[in-house]
Amino acid sequence: MDWNDAAEDLLNQILMSTPLPVRQQIEGQIRGVAEQLAESNGKSRINTNTVVEAWIESTPEALRSELPRQMERLGLDPYEYEHLLGEI
């Protein structure tokens, strides 16, 4: 599966805020979910929206309330992903 540069950059930014002991595990998890999402949508390339969707899906429900704040730190608008996050 092909990842565009912006998607790779975003994934790396997400991983930099992830504790080092679990960083590789989280990377594999987000990559796997992103590739499954792209494939199920008939896409052959991962973009930033797919990365964000995979990040949300990979985050345990109990920790998702922190995602809007983390998204803002990365320059993302959490309201664009409200349908995936639930109430913000």
C-alpha atoms as a PDB file:
ATOM      1  CA  MET A   1       0.000   0.000   0.000  1.00  0.00           C
ATOM      2  CA  ASP A   2       1.321   3.406  -0.961  1.00  0.00           C
ATOM      3  CA  TRP A   3       1.493   6.198   1.645  1.00  0.00           C
ATOM      4  CA  ASN A   4       1.751   9.802   0.522  1.00  0.00           C
ATOM      5  CA  ASP A   5       4.368  11.985   2.204  1.00  0.00           C
ATOM      6  CA  ALA A   6       1.829  13.969   4.230  1.00  0.00           C
ATOM      7  CA  ALA A   7       0.346  10.735   5.623  1.00  0.00           C
ATOM      8  CA  GLU A   8       3.810   9.471   6.633  1.00  0.00           C
ATOM      9  CA  ASP A   9       4.611  12.826   8.254  1.00  0.00           C
ATOM     10  CA  LEU A  10       1.361  12.814  10.215  1.00  0.00           C
ATOM     11  CA  LEU A  11       1.901   9.266  11.407  1.00  0.00           C
ATOM     12  CA  ASN A  12       5.398  10.211  12.575  1.00  0.00           C
ATOM     13  CA  GLN A  13       4.015  13.237  14.446  1.00  0.00           C
ATOM     14  CA  ILE A  14       1.421  11.041  16.149  1.00  0.00           C
ATOM     15  CA  LEU A  15       4.107   8.542  17.103  1.00  0.00           C
ATOM     16  CA  MET A  16       6.334  11.241  18.620  1.00  0.00           C
ATOM     17  CA  SER A  17       3.631  11.825  21.244  1.00  0.00           C
ATOM     18  CA  THR A  18       3.421   8.098  21.950  1.00  0.00           C
ATOM     19  CA  PRO A  19       5.485   6.632  24.800  1.00  0.00           C
ATOM     20  CA  LEU A  20       8.612   4.983  23.423  1.00  0.00           C
ATOM     21  CA  PRO A  21       7.966   1.491  24.883  1.00  0.00           C
ATOM     22  CA  VAL A  22       4.748   1.118  22.846  1.00  0.00           C
ATOM     23  CA  ARG A  23       5.639   3.259  19.823  1.00  0.00           C
ATOM     24  CA  GLN A  24       6.400   0.371  17.452  1.00  0.00           C
ATOM     25  CA  GLN A  25       3.260  -1.482  18.479  1.00  0.00           C
ATOM     26  CA  ILE A  26       1.101   1.607  17.930  1.00  0.00           C
ATOM     27  CA  GLU A  27       2.768   2.289  14.578  1.00  0.00           C
ATOM     28  CA  GLY A  28       1.968  -1.214  13.380  1.00  0.00           C
ATOM     29  CA  GLN A  29      -1.562  -0.954  14.647  1.00  0.00           C
ATOM     30  CA  ILE A  30      -2.283   2.406  12.973  1.00  0.00           C
ATOM     31  CA  ARG A  31      -0.610   1.309   9.717  1.00  0.00           C
ATOM     32  CA  GLY A  32      -2.624  -1.902   9.647  1.00  0.00           C
ATOM     33  CA  VAL A  33      -5.938  -0.169  10.305  1.00  0.00           C
ATOM     34  CA  ALA A  34      -5.160   2.575   7.758  1.00  0.00           C
ATOM     35  CA  GLU A  35      -4.354   0.035   5.072  1.00  0.00           C
ATOM     36  CA  GLN A  36      -7.513  -1.952   5.845  1.00  0.00           C
ATOM     37  CA  LEU A  37      -9.600   1.228   5.664  1.00  0.00           C
ATOM     38  CA  ALA A  38      -8.063   2.261   2.355  1.00  0.00           C
ATOM     39  CA  GLU A  39      -8.485  -1.201   0.885  1.00  0.00           C
ATOM     40  CA  SER A  40     -12.120  -1.447   1.990  1.00  0.00           C
ATOM     41  CA  ASN A  41     -12.755   1.941   0.341  1.00  0.00           C
ATOM     42  CA  GLY A  42     -11.089   0.849  -2.904  1.00  0.00           C
ATOM     43  CA  LYS A  43      -8.101   3.151  -2.463  1.00  0.00           C
ATOM     44  CA  SER A  44      -4.504   2.224  -3.225  1.00  0.00           C
ATOM     45  CA  ARG A  45      -2.942   5.200  -1.417  1.00  0.00           C
ATOM     46  CA  ILE A  46      -3.059   6.279   2.224  1.00  0.00           C
ATOM     47  CA  ASN A  47      -3.744   9.977   2.854  1.00  0.00           C
ATOM     48  CA  THR A  48      -3.891  12.032   6.053  1.00  0.00           C
ATOM     49  CA  ASN A  49      -7.632  11.544   6.510  1.00  0.00           C
ATOM     50  CA  THR A  50      -7.137   7.792   6.480  1.00  0.00           C
ATOM     51  CA  VAL A  51      -4.331   8.123   9.046  1.00  0.00           C
ATOM     52  CA  VAL A  52      -6.557  10.170  11.363  1.00  0.00           C
ATOM     53  CA  GLU A  53      -9.414   7.699  11.003  1.00  0.00           C
ATOM     54  CA  ALA A  54      -7.039   4.803  11.765  1.00  0.00           C
ATOM     55  CA  TRP A  55      -5.618   6.705  14.758  1.00  0.00           C
ATOM     56  CA  ILE A  56      -9.103   7.210  16.165  1.00  0.00           C
ATOM     57  CA  GLU A  57     -10.084   3.580  15.573  1.00  0.00           C
ATOM     58  CA  SER A  58      -6.821   2.353  17.129  1.00  0.00           C
ATOM     59  CA  THR A  59      -7.265   4.444  20.271  1.00  0.00           C
ATOM     60  CA  PRO A  60      -9.081   2.656  23.095  1.00  0.00           C
ATOM     61  CA  GLU A  61     -12.508   4.125  23.820  1.00  0.00           C
ATOM     62  CA  ALA A  62     -11.430   5.206  27.317  1.00  0.00           C
ATOM     63  CA  LEU A  63      -8.632   7.384  25.864  1.00  0.00           C
ATOM     64  CA  ARG A  64     -10.474   8.946  22.915  1.00  0.00           C
ATOM     65  CA  SER A  65     -11.521  12.004  24.913  1.00  0.00           C
ATOM     66  CA  GLU A  66      -7.856  13.122  24.738  1.00  0.00           C
ATOM     67  CA  LEU A  67      -7.701  12.953  20.941  1.00  0.00           C
ATOM     68  CA  PRO A  68      -9.251  16.371  20.164  1.00  0.00           C
ATOM     69  CA  ARG A  69      -6.564  18.105  22.234  1.00  0.00           C
ATOM     70  CA  GLN A  70      -3.835  16.036  20.597  1.00  0.00           C
ATOM     71  CA  MET A  71      -5.261  16.771  17.152  1.00  0.00           C
ATOM     72  CA  GLU A  72      -5.180  20.502  17.820  1.00  0.00           C
ATOM     73  CA  ARG A  73      -1.512  20.254  18.833  1.00  0.00           C
ATOM     74  CA  LEU A  74      -0.842  18.648  15.451  1.00  0.00           C
ATOM     75  CA  GLY A  75      -2.700  21.410  13.631  1.00  0.00           C
ATOM     76  CA  LEU A  76      -5.778  19.293  12.891  1.00  0.00           C
ATOM     77  CA  ASP A  77      -9.357  20.439  13.396  1.00  0.00           C
ATOM     78  CA  PRO A  78     -11.057  17.833  15.603  1.00  0.00           C
ATOM     79  CA  TYR A  79     -14.479  19.029  14.442  1.00  0.00           C
ATOM     80  CA  GLU A  80     -13.700  17.618  10.994  1.00  0.00           C
ATOM     81  CA  TYR A  81     -13.594  14.197  12.649  1.00  0.00           C
ATOM     82  CA  GLU A  82     -16.479  14.682  15.068  1.00  0.00           C
ATOM     83  CA  HIS A  83     -18.450  11.942  13.308  1.00  0.00           C
ATOM     84  CA  LEU A  84     -15.679   9.502  14.289  1.00  0.00           C
ATOM     85  CA  LEU A  85     -14.925  10.934  17.736  1.00  0.00           C
ATOM     86  CA  GLY A  86     -18.471  11.322  18.974  1.00  0.00           C
ATOM     87  CA  GLU A  87     -19.249  14.446  20.970  1.00  0.00           C
ATOM     88  CA  ILE A  88     -16.339  16.800  21.429  1.00  0.00           C
END
